[in-house]
Structure formats: C-alpha cells, structure tokens
Amino acid sequence: ENGSPVKQYKLVIENGSSSQVCSVNVKLNAALKDKWNLDELSSDLYRTPSWMTIPPGGTADQAGYVAYGDSVPTVAAVQNC
C-alpha cells in the first residue's frame, strides 16, 4: 500500500456454461482502496451481488475495484441459479 500505485480494475465475467450464473466468488489478490458491486465475504474474498445474474453465453461487467498495485483476480466459486 505504501507507495504502491493505485489502479482501477473492471471485472469482466463471462459465462461459458449452459446454466445461468447467480453469483461468482472472486479473490482479488490485492489490497483494496475502493470497490463497487462486490460484497465482501472475508479477507480478499468477494461475491458479485444477487442482482448481477449472467445468462448462458453472457457477460457481466458491472463490478470493479480500486487496488494498491497490481491485481490478478481468480474465481473461487460459481453459483448457478
């Protein structure tokens, strides 16, 4: 955090399955300054909000965050509807 550049990220989540996705849990792997459309579950684990469903073949890009330094998010879990 101290002296690290602040960077803004937009999460783009694609649903390549044949089922509708109701939520996605992601690890952002970064210290956050701010976030939007993400619910914090625990330290560095966040979930997309319930209204952000992703249809089969669809994409969601309404969530994002501001991190100190670099961030490479990883999907921890996917919940189908």
PDB file of N, CA and C in Angstrom:
ATOM      1  N   GLU A   1       0.814  -1.185   0.000  1.00  0.00           N
ATOM      2  CA  GLU A   1       0.000   0.000   0.000  1.00  0.00           C
ATOM      3  C   GLU A   1       0.864   1.258   0.000  1.00  0.00           C
ATOM      4  N   ASN A   2       1.809   1.293   0.881  1.00  0.00           N
ATOM      5  CA  ASN A   2       2.637   2.495   0.999  1.00  0.00           C
ATOM      6  C   ASN A   2       3.492   2.656  -0.241  1.00  0.00           C
ATOM      7  N   GLY A   3       3.204   3.684  -0.997  1.00  0.00           N
ATOM      8  CA  GLY A   3       3.971   3.956  -2.193  1.00  0.00           C
ATOM      9  C   GLY A   3       3.556   3.165  -3.418  1.00  0.00           C
ATOM     10  N   SER A   4       2.649   2.213  -3.265  1.00  0.00           N
ATOM     11  CA  SER A   4       2.194   1.451  -4.427  1.00  0.00           C
ATOM     12  C   SER A   4       1.262   2.305  -5.267  1.00  0.00           C
ATOM     13  N   PRO A   5       1.348   2.197  -6.590  1.00  0.00           N
ATOM     14  CA  PRO A   5       0.422   2.952  -7.426  1.00  0.00           C
ATOM     15  C   PRO A   5      -1.002   2.435  -7.262  1.00  0.00           C
ATOM     16  N   VAL A   6      -1.955   3.339  -7.348  1.00  0.00           N
ATOM     17  CA  VAL A   6      -3.365   2.984  -7.251  1.00  0.00           C
ATOM     18  C   VAL A   6      -3.881   2.717  -8.659  1.00  0.00           C
ATOM     19  N   LYS A   7      -4.527   1.571  -8.853  1.00  0.00           N
ATOM     20  CA  LYS A   7      -5.024   1.193 -10.174  1.00  0.00           C
ATOM     21  C   LYS A   7      -6.483   0.799 -10.075  1.00  0.00           C
ATOM     22  N   GLN A   8      -7.249   1.134 -11.117  1.00  0.00           N
ATOM     23  CA  GLN A   8      -8.670   0.785 -11.171  1.00  0.00           C
ATOM     24  C   GLN A   8      -8.859  -0.416 -12.089  1.00  0.00           C
ATOM     25  N   TYR A   9      -9.702  -1.345 -11.649  1.00  0.00           N
ATOM     26  CA  TYR A   9      -9.971  -2.563 -12.408  1.00  0.00           C
ATOM     27  C   TYR A   9     -11.473  -2.735 -12.605  1.00  0.00           C
ATOM     28  N   LYS A  10     -11.853  -3.252 -13.763  1.00  0.00           N
ATOM     29  CA  LYS A  10     -13.238  -3.629 -14.015  1.00  0.00           C
ATOM     30  C   LYS A  10     -13.252  -5.138 -14.191  1.00  0.00           C
ATOM     31  N   LEU A  11     -14.105  -5.815 -13.417  1.00  0.00           N
ATOM     32  CA  LEU A  11     -14.233  -7.265 -13.570  1.00  0.00           C
ATOM     33  C   LEU A  11     -15.148  -7.563 -14.750  1.00  0.00           C
ATOM     34  N   VAL A  12     -14.683  -8.356 -15.668  1.00  0.00           N
ATOM     35  CA  VAL A  12     -15.495  -8.816 -16.790  1.00  0.00           C
ATOM     36  C   VAL A  12     -15.614 -10.330 -16.642  1.00  0.00           C
ATOM     37  N   ILE A  13     -16.825 -10.782 -16.337  1.00  0.00           N
ATOM     38  CA  ILE A  13     -17.058 -12.202 -16.068  1.00  0.00           C
ATOM     39  C   ILE A  13     -17.910 -12.779 -17.181  1.00  0.00           C
ATOM     40  N   GLU A  14     -17.367 -13.756 -17.885  1.00  0.00           N
ATOM     41  CA  GLU A  14     -18.080 -14.405 -18.977  1.00  0.00           C
ATOM     42  C   GLU A  14     -18.614 -15.745 -18.503  1.00  0.00           C
ATOM     43  N   ASN A  15     -19.842 -16.051 -18.890  1.00  0.00           N
ATOM     44  CA  ASN A  15     -20.455 -17.336 -18.555  1.00  0.00           C
ATOM     45  C   ASN A  15     -20.397 -18.235 -19.785  1.00  0.00           C
ATOM     46  N   GLY A  16     -19.485 -19.193 -19.760  1.00  0.00           N
ATOM     47  CA  GLY A  16     -19.343 -20.120 -20.875  1.00  0.00           C
ATOM     48  C   GLY A  16     -20.142 -21.393 -20.689  1.00  0.00           C
ATOM     49  N   SER A  17     -20.954 -21.450 -19.634  1.00  0.00           N
ATOM     50  CA  SER A  17     -21.728 -22.665 -19.362  1.00  0.00           C
ATOM     51  C   SER A  17     -23.127 -22.567 -19.976  1.00  0.00           C
ATOM     52  N   SER A  18     -23.883 -23.649 -19.832  1.00  0.00           N
ATOM     53  CA  SER A  18     -25.253 -23.655 -20.345  1.00  0.00           C
ATOM     54  C   SER A  18     -26.257 -23.317 -19.244  1.00  0.00           C
ATOM     55  N   SER A  19     -25.768 -22.947 -18.039  1.00  0.00           N
ATOM     56  CA  SER A  19     -26.631 -22.587 -16.916  1.00  0.00           C
ATOM     57  C   SER A  19     -26.494 -21.109 -16.582  1.00  0.00           C
ATOM     58  N   GLN A  20     -27.551 -20.540 -16.059  1.00  0.00           N
ATOM     59  CA  GLN A  20     -27.490 -19.156 -15.601  1.00  0.00           C
ATOM     60  C   GLN A  20     -26.675 -19.094 -14.309  1.00  0.00           C
ATOM     61  N   VAL A  21     -25.804 -18.101 -14.203  1.00  0.00           N
ATOM     62  CA  VAL A  21     -24.972 -17.915 -13.019  1.00  0.00           C
ATOM     63  C   VAL A  21     -25.594 -16.836 -12.147  1.00  0.00           C
ATOM     64  N   CYS A  22     -25.778 -17.145 -10.847  1.00  0.00           N
ATOM     65  CA  CYS A  22     -26.372 -16.175  -9.917  1.00  0.00           C
ATOM     66  C   CYS A  22     -25.332 -15.395  -9.136  1.00  0.00           C
ATOM     67  N   SER A  23     -24.172 -16.001  -8.875  1.00  0.00           N
ATOM     68  CA  SER A  23     -23.119 -15.256  -8.193  1.00  0.00           C
ATOM     69  C   SER A  23     -21.777 -15.911  -8.458  1.00  0.00           C
ATOM     70  N   VAL A  24     -20.745 -15.084  -8.359  1.00  0.00           N
ATOM     71  CA  VAL A  24     -19.375 -15.537  -8.545  1.00  0.00           C
ATOM     72  C   VAL A  24     -18.557 -15.025  -7.366  1.00  0.00           C
ATOM     73  N   ASN A  25     -17.808 -15.918  -6.724  1.00  0.00           N
ATOM     74  CA  ASN A  25     -16.889 -15.526  -5.664  1.00  0.00           C
ATOM     75  C   ASN A  25     -15.509 -15.348  -6.283  1.00  0.00           C
ATOM     76  N   VAL A  26     -14.884 -14.211  -5.996  1.00  0.00           N
ATOM     77  CA  VAL A  26     -13.570 -13.932  -6.559  1.00  0.00           C
ATOM     78  C   VAL A  26     -12.599 -13.506  -5.466  1.00  0.00           C
ATOM     79  N   LYS A  27     -11.352 -13.924  -5.647  1.00  0.00           N
ATOM     80  CA  LYS A  27     -10.245 -13.411  -4.833  1.00  0.00           C
ATOM     81  C   LYS A  27      -9.572 -12.353  -5.701  1.00  0.00           C
ATOM     82  N   LEU A  28      -9.396 -11.165  -5.149  1.00  0.00           N
ATOM     83  CA  LEU A  28      -8.834 -10.072  -5.940  1.00  0.00           C
ATOM     84  C   LEU A  28      -7.318 -10.007  -5.820  1.00  0.00           C
ATOM     85  N   ASN A  29      -6.757 -10.670  -4.827  1.00  0.00           N
ATOM     86  CA  ASN A  29      -5.306 -10.755  -4.665  1.00  0.00           C
ATOM     87  C   ASN A  29      -4.650  -9.380  -4.631  1.00  0.00           C
ATOM     88  N   ALA A  30      -5.267  -8.466  -3.883  1.00  0.00           N
ATOM     89  CA  ALA A  30      -4.743  -7.101  -3.780  1.00  0.00           C
ATOM     90  C   ALA A  30      -5.353  -6.414  -2.569  1.00  0.00           C
ATOM     91  N   ALA A  31      -4.677  -5.387  -2.098  1.00  0.00           N
ATOM     92  CA  ALA A  31      -5.235  -4.533  -1.047  1.00  0.00           C
ATOM     93  C   ALA A  31      -6.127  -3.496  -1.724  1.00  0.00           C
ATOM     94  N   LEU A  32      -7.390  -3.388  -1.273  1.00  0.00           N
ATOM     95  CA  LEU A  32      -8.344  -2.509  -1.939  1.00  0.00           C
ATOM     96  C   LEU A  32      -8.424  -1.143  -1.289  1.00  0.00           C
ATOM     97  N   LYS A  33      -8.603  -0.156  -2.140  1.00  0.00           N
ATOM     98  CA  LYS A  33      -8.909   1.198  -1.684  1.00  0.00           C
ATOM     99  C   LYS A  33     -10.412   1.426  -1.760  1.00  0.00           C
ATOM    100  N   ASP A  34     -11.049   0.833  -2.798  1.00  0.00           N
ATOM    101  CA  ASP A  34     -12.482   1.011  -3.015  1.00  0.00           C
ATOM    102  C   ASP A  34     -12.989  -0.154  -3.858  1.00  0.00           C
ATOM    103  N   LYS A  35     -14.314  -0.362  -3.844  1.00  0.00           N
ATOM    104  CA  LYS A  35     -14.922  -1.408  -4.670  1.00  0.00           C
ATOM    105  C   LYS A  35     -16.351  -1.006  -4.977  1.00  0.00           C
ATOM    106  N   TRP A  36     -16.924  -1.580  -6.017  1.00  0.00           N
ATOM    107  CA  TRP A  36     -18.339  -1.363  -6.333  1.00  0.00           C
ATOM    108  C   TRP A  36     -18.920  -2.640  -6.903  1.00  0.00           C
ATOM    109  N   ASN A  37     -20.179  -2.867  -6.537  1.00  0.00           N
ATOM    110  CA  ASN A  37     -20.933  -4.059  -6.955  1.00  0.00           C
ATOM    111  C   ASN A  37     -20.204  -5.354  -6.594  1.00  0.00           C
ATOM    112  N   LEU A  38     -19.567  -5.341  -5.425  1.00  0.00           N
ATOM    113  CA  LEU A  38     -18.939  -6.532  -4.863  1.00  0.00           C
ATOM    114  C   LEU A  38     -19.243  -6.565  -3.378  1.00  0.00           C
ATOM    115  N   ASP A  39     -19.712  -7.721  -2.886  1.00  0.00           N
ATOM    116  CA  ASP A  39     -19.971  -7.903  -1.459  1.00  0.00           C
ATOM    117  C   ASP A  39     -18.771  -8.614  -0.845  1.00  0.00           C
ATOM    118  N   GLU A  40     -18.246  -8.066   0.261  1.00  0.00           N
ATOM    119  CA  GLU A  40     -17.096  -8.692   0.914  1.00  0.00           C
ATOM    120  C   GLU A  40     -17.557  -9.880   1.749  1.00  0.00           C
ATOM    121  N   LEU A  41     -16.952 -11.048   1.501  1.00  0.00           N
ATOM    122  CA  LEU A  41     -17.269 -12.258   2.256  1.00  0.00           C
ATOM    123  C   LEU A  41     -16.271 -12.465   3.388  1.00  0.00           C
ATOM    124  N   SER A  42     -14.999 -12.242   3.093  1.00  0.00           N
ATOM    125  CA  SER A  42     -13.929 -12.345   4.076  1.00  0.00           C
ATOM    126  C   SER A  42     -12.725 -11.615   3.501  1.00  0.00           C
ATOM    127  N   SER A  43     -11.626 -11.701   4.180  1.00  0.00           N
ATOM    128  CA  SER A  43     -10.427 -11.013   3.711  1.00  0.00           C
ATOM    129  C   SER A  43     -10.064 -11.470   2.294  1.00  0.00           C
ATOM    130  N   ASP A  44     -10.110 -10.549   1.348  1.00  0.00           N
ATOM    131  CA  ASP A  44      -9.760 -10.774  -0.057  1.00  0.00           C
ATOM    132  C   ASP A  44     -10.714 -11.718  -0.797  1.00  0.00           C
ATOM    133  N   LEU A  45     -11.885 -12.007  -0.234  1.00  0.00           N
ATOM    134  CA  LEU A  45     -12.865 -12.837  -0.939  1.00  0.00           C
ATOM    135  C   LEU A  45     -14.149 -12.029  -1.090  1.00  0.00           C
ATOM    136  N   TYR A  46     -14.600 -11.870  -2.327  1.00  0.00           N
ATOM    137  CA  TYR A  46     -15.750 -11.027  -2.643  1.00  0.00           C
ATOM    138  C   TYR A  46     -16.721 -11.805  -3.514  1.00  0.00           C
ATOM    139  N   ARG A  47     -17.990 -11.371  -3.513  1.00  0.00           N
ATOM    140  CA  ARG A  47     -19.040 -12.015  -4.303  1.00  0.00           C
ATOM    141  C   ARG A  47     -19.779 -10.959  -5.103  1.00  0.00           C
ATOM    142  N   THR A  48     -20.152 -11.331  -6.321  1.00  0.00           N
ATOM    143  CA  THR A  48     -20.988 -10.437  -7.120  1.00  0.00           C
ATOM    144  C   THR A  48     -22.374 -10.380  -6.474  1.00  0.00           C
ATOM    145  N   PRO A  49     -23.073  -9.250  -6.563  1.00  0.00           N
ATOM    146  CA  PRO A  49     -24.380  -9.118  -5.907  1.00  0.00           C
ATOM    147  C   PRO A  49     -25.450  -9.984  -6.583  1.00  0.00           C
ATOM    148  N   SER A  50     -26.511 -10.261  -5.833  1.00  0.00           N
ATOM    149  CA  SER A  50     -27.554 -11.183  -6.306  1.00  0.00           C
ATOM    150  C   SER A  50     -28.249 -10.694  -7.574  1.00  0.00           C
ATOM    151  N   TRP A  51     -28.292  -9.392  -7.794  1.00  0.00           N
ATOM    152  CA  TRP A  51     -28.969  -8.876  -8.998  1.00  0.00           C
ATOM    153  C   TRP A  51     -28.122  -9.046 -10.258  1.00  0.00           C
ATOM    154  N   MET A  52     -26.854  -9.381 -10.118  1.00  0.00           N
ATOM    155  CA  MET A  52     -25.955  -9.480 -11.272  1.00  0.00           C
ATOM    156  C   MET A  52     -25.911 -10.911 -11.792  1.00  0.00           C
ATOM    157  N   THR A  53     -27.039 -11.405 -12.313  1.00  0.00           N
ATOM    158  CA  THR A  53     -27.065 -12.746 -12.899  1.00  0.00           C
ATOM    159  C   THR A  53     -26.476 -12.694 -14.303  1.00  0.00           C
ATOM    160  N   ILE A  54     -25.884 -13.822 -14.707  1.00  0.00           N
ATOM    161  CA  ILE A  54     -25.235 -13.888 -16.018  1.00  0.00           C
ATOM    162  C   ILE A  54     -25.861 -15.040 -16.796  1.00  0.00           C
ATOM    163  N   PRO A  55     -26.569 -14.741 -17.890  1.00  0.00           N
ATOM    164  CA  PRO A  55     -27.196 -15.808 -18.668  1.00  0.00           C
ATOM    165  C   PRO A  55     -26.147 -16.645 -19.402  1.00  0.00           C
ATOM    166  N   PRO A  56     -26.513 -17.852 -19.837  1.00  0.00           N
ATOM    167  CA  PRO A  56     -25.575 -18.669 -20.616  1.00  0.00           C
ATOM    168  C   PRO A  56     -25.040 -17.880 -21.811  1.00  0.00           C
ATOM    169  N   GLY A  57     -23.735 -17.894 -21.975  1.00  0.00           N
ATOM    170  CA  GLY A  57     -23.108 -17.156 -23.070  1.00  0.00           C
ATOM    171  C   GLY A  57     -23.011 -15.666 -22.831  1.00  0.00           C
ATOM    172  N   GLY A  58     -23.469 -15.192 -21.675  1.00  0.00           N
ATOM    173  CA  GLY A  58     -23.483 -13.760 -21.391  1.00  0.00           C
ATOM    174  C   GLY A  58     -22.248 -13.293 -20.649  1.00  0.00           C
ATOM    175  N   THR A  59     -22.189 -11.978 -20.457  1.00  0.00           N
ATOM    176  CA  THR A  59     -21.071 -11.335 -19.779  1.00  0.00           C
ATOM    177  C   THR A  59     -21.606 -10.321 -18.781  1.00  0.00           C
ATOM    178  N   ALA A  60     -20.937 -10.218 -17.634  1.00  0.00           N
ATOM    179  CA  ALA A  60     -21.252  -9.178 -16.652  1.00  0.00           C
ATOM    180  C   ALA A  60     -20.003  -8.329 -16.453  1.00  0.00           C
ATOM    181  N   ASP A  61     -20.177  -7.012 -16.485  1.00  0.00           N
ATOM    182  CA  ASP A  61     -19.017  -6.129 -16.294  1.00  0.00           C
ATOM    183  C   ASP A  61     -19.347  -4.951 -15.379  1.00  0.00           C
ATOM    184  N   GLN A  62     -20.323  -5.126 -14.486  1.00  0.00           N
ATOM    185  CA  GLN A  62     -20.756  -4.024 -13.622  1.00  0.00           C
ATOM    186  C   GLN A  62     -19.943  -3.913 -12.334  1.00  0.00           C
ATOM    187  N   ALA A  63     -19.076  -4.870 -12.042  1.00  0.00           N
ATOM    188  CA  ALA A  63     -18.309  -4.852 -10.798  1.00  0.00           C
ATOM    189  C   ALA A  63     -16.885  -4.383 -11.067  1.00  0.00           C
ATOM    190  N   GLY A  64     -16.304  -3.756 -10.057  1.00  0.00           N
ATOM    191  CA  GLY A  64     -14.926  -3.314 -10.196  1.00  0.00           C
ATOM    192  C   GLY A  64     -14.356  -2.888  -8.862  1.00  0.00           C
ATOM    193  N   TYR A  65     -13.109  -2.461  -8.904  1.00  0.00           N
ATOM    194  CA  TYR A  65     -12.441  -2.078  -7.669  1.00  0.00           C
ATOM    195  C   TYR A  65     -11.217  -1.235  -7.964  1.00  0.00           C
ATOM    196  N   VAL A  66     -10.737  -0.564  -6.925  1.00  0.00           N
ATOM    197  CA  VAL A  66      -9.502   0.205  -6.981  1.00  0.00           C
ATOM    198  C   VAL A  66      -8.539  -0.460  -6.013  1.00  0.00           C
ATOM    199  N   ALA A  67      -7.363  -0.848  -6.511  1.00  0.00           N
ATOM    200  CA  ALA A  67      -6.395  -1.581  -5.698  1.00  0.00           C
ATOM    201  C   ALA A  67      -5.082  -0.822  -5.621  1.00  0.00           C
ATOM    202  N   TYR A  68      -4.371  -1.116  -4.553  1.00  0.00           N
ATOM    203  CA  TYR A  68      -2.998  -0.619  -4.429  1.00  0.00           C
ATOM    204  C   TYR A  68      -2.088  -1.600  -5.162  1.00  0.00           C
ATOM    205  N   GLY A  69      -1.554  -1.180  -6.287  1.00  0.00           N
ATOM    206  CA  GLY A  69      -0.654  -2.039  -7.050  1.00  0.00           C
ATOM    207  C   GLY A  69      -1.399  -2.992  -7.962  1.00  0.00           C
ATOM    208  N   ASP A  70      -0.691  -4.010  -8.394  1.00  0.00           N
ATOM    209  CA  ASP A  70      -1.227  -4.958  -9.371  1.00  0.00           C
ATOM    210  C   ASP A  70      -2.197  -5.939  -8.728  1.00  0.00           C
ATOM    211  N   SER A  71      -3.154  -6.381  -9.519  1.00  0.00           N
ATOM    212  CA  SER A  71      -4.140  -7.355  -9.058  1.00  0.00           C
ATOM    213  C   SER A  71      -4.450  -8.310 -10.188  1.00  0.00           C
ATOM    214  N   VAL A  72      -4.403  -9.596  -9.893  1.00  0.00           N
ATOM    215  CA  VAL A  72      -4.823 -10.624 -10.843  1.00  0.00           C
ATOM    216  C   VAL A  72      -5.901 -11.441 -10.147  1.00  0.00           C
ATOM    217  N   PRO A  73      -7.183 -11.110 -10.394  1.00  0.00           N
ATOM    218  CA  PRO A  73      -8.266 -11.810  -9.696  1.00  0.00           C
ATOM    219  C   PRO A  73      -8.394 -13.259 -10.141  1.00  0.00           C
ATOM    220  N   THR A  74      -8.841 -14.109  -9.218  1.00  0.00           N
ATOM    221  CA  THR A  74      -9.096 -15.510  -9.525  1.00  0.00           C
ATOM    222  C   THR A  74     -10.498 -15.876  -9.044  1.00  0.00           C
ATOM    223  N   VAL A  75     -11.170 -16.727  -9.805  1.00  0.00           N
ATOM    224  CA  VAL A  75     -12.515 -17.176  -9.433  1.00  0.00           C
ATOM    225  C   VAL A  75     -12.373 -18.266  -8.372  1.00  0.00           C
ATOM    226  N   ALA A  76     -13.070 -18.085  -7.250  1.00  0.00           N
ATOM    227  CA  ALA A  76     -13.031 -19.063  -6.155  1.00  0.00           C
ATOM    228  C   ALA A  76     -14.222 -20.015  -6.208  1.00  0.00           C
ATOM    229  N   ALA A  77     -15.378 -19.521  -6.667  1.00  0.00           N
ATOM    230  CA  ALA A  77     -16.577 -20.362  -6.739  1.00  0.00           C
ATOM    231  C   ALA A  77     -17.597 -19.715  -7.658  1.00  0.00           C
ATOM    232  N   VAL A  78     -18.430 -20.543  -8.282  1.00  0.00           N
ATOM    233  CA  VAL A  78     -19.513 -20.082  -9.145  1.00  0.00           C
ATOM    234  C   VAL A  78     -20.800 -20.733  -8.651  1.00  0.00           C
ATOM    235  N   GLN A  79     -21.834 -19.927  -8.468  1.00  0.00           N
ATOM    236  CA  GLN A  79     -23.129 -20.449  -8.015  1.00  0.00           C
ATOM    237  C   GLN A  79     -24.143 -20.324  -9.163  1.00  0.00           C
ATOM    238  N   ASN A  80     -24.615 -21.459  -9.652  1.00  0.00           N
ATOM    239  CA  ASN A  80     -25.664 -21.424 -10.675  1.00  0.00           C
ATOM    240  C   ASN A  80     -27.011 -21.178 -10.022  1.00  0.00           C
ATOM    241  N   CYS A  81     -27.961 -20.676 -10.797  1.00  0.00           N
ATOM    242  CA  CYS A  81     -29.300 -20.376 -10.268  1.00  0.00           C
ATOM    243  C   CYS A  81     -30.107 -21.645 -10.115  1.00  0.00           C
TER     244      CYS A  81
END
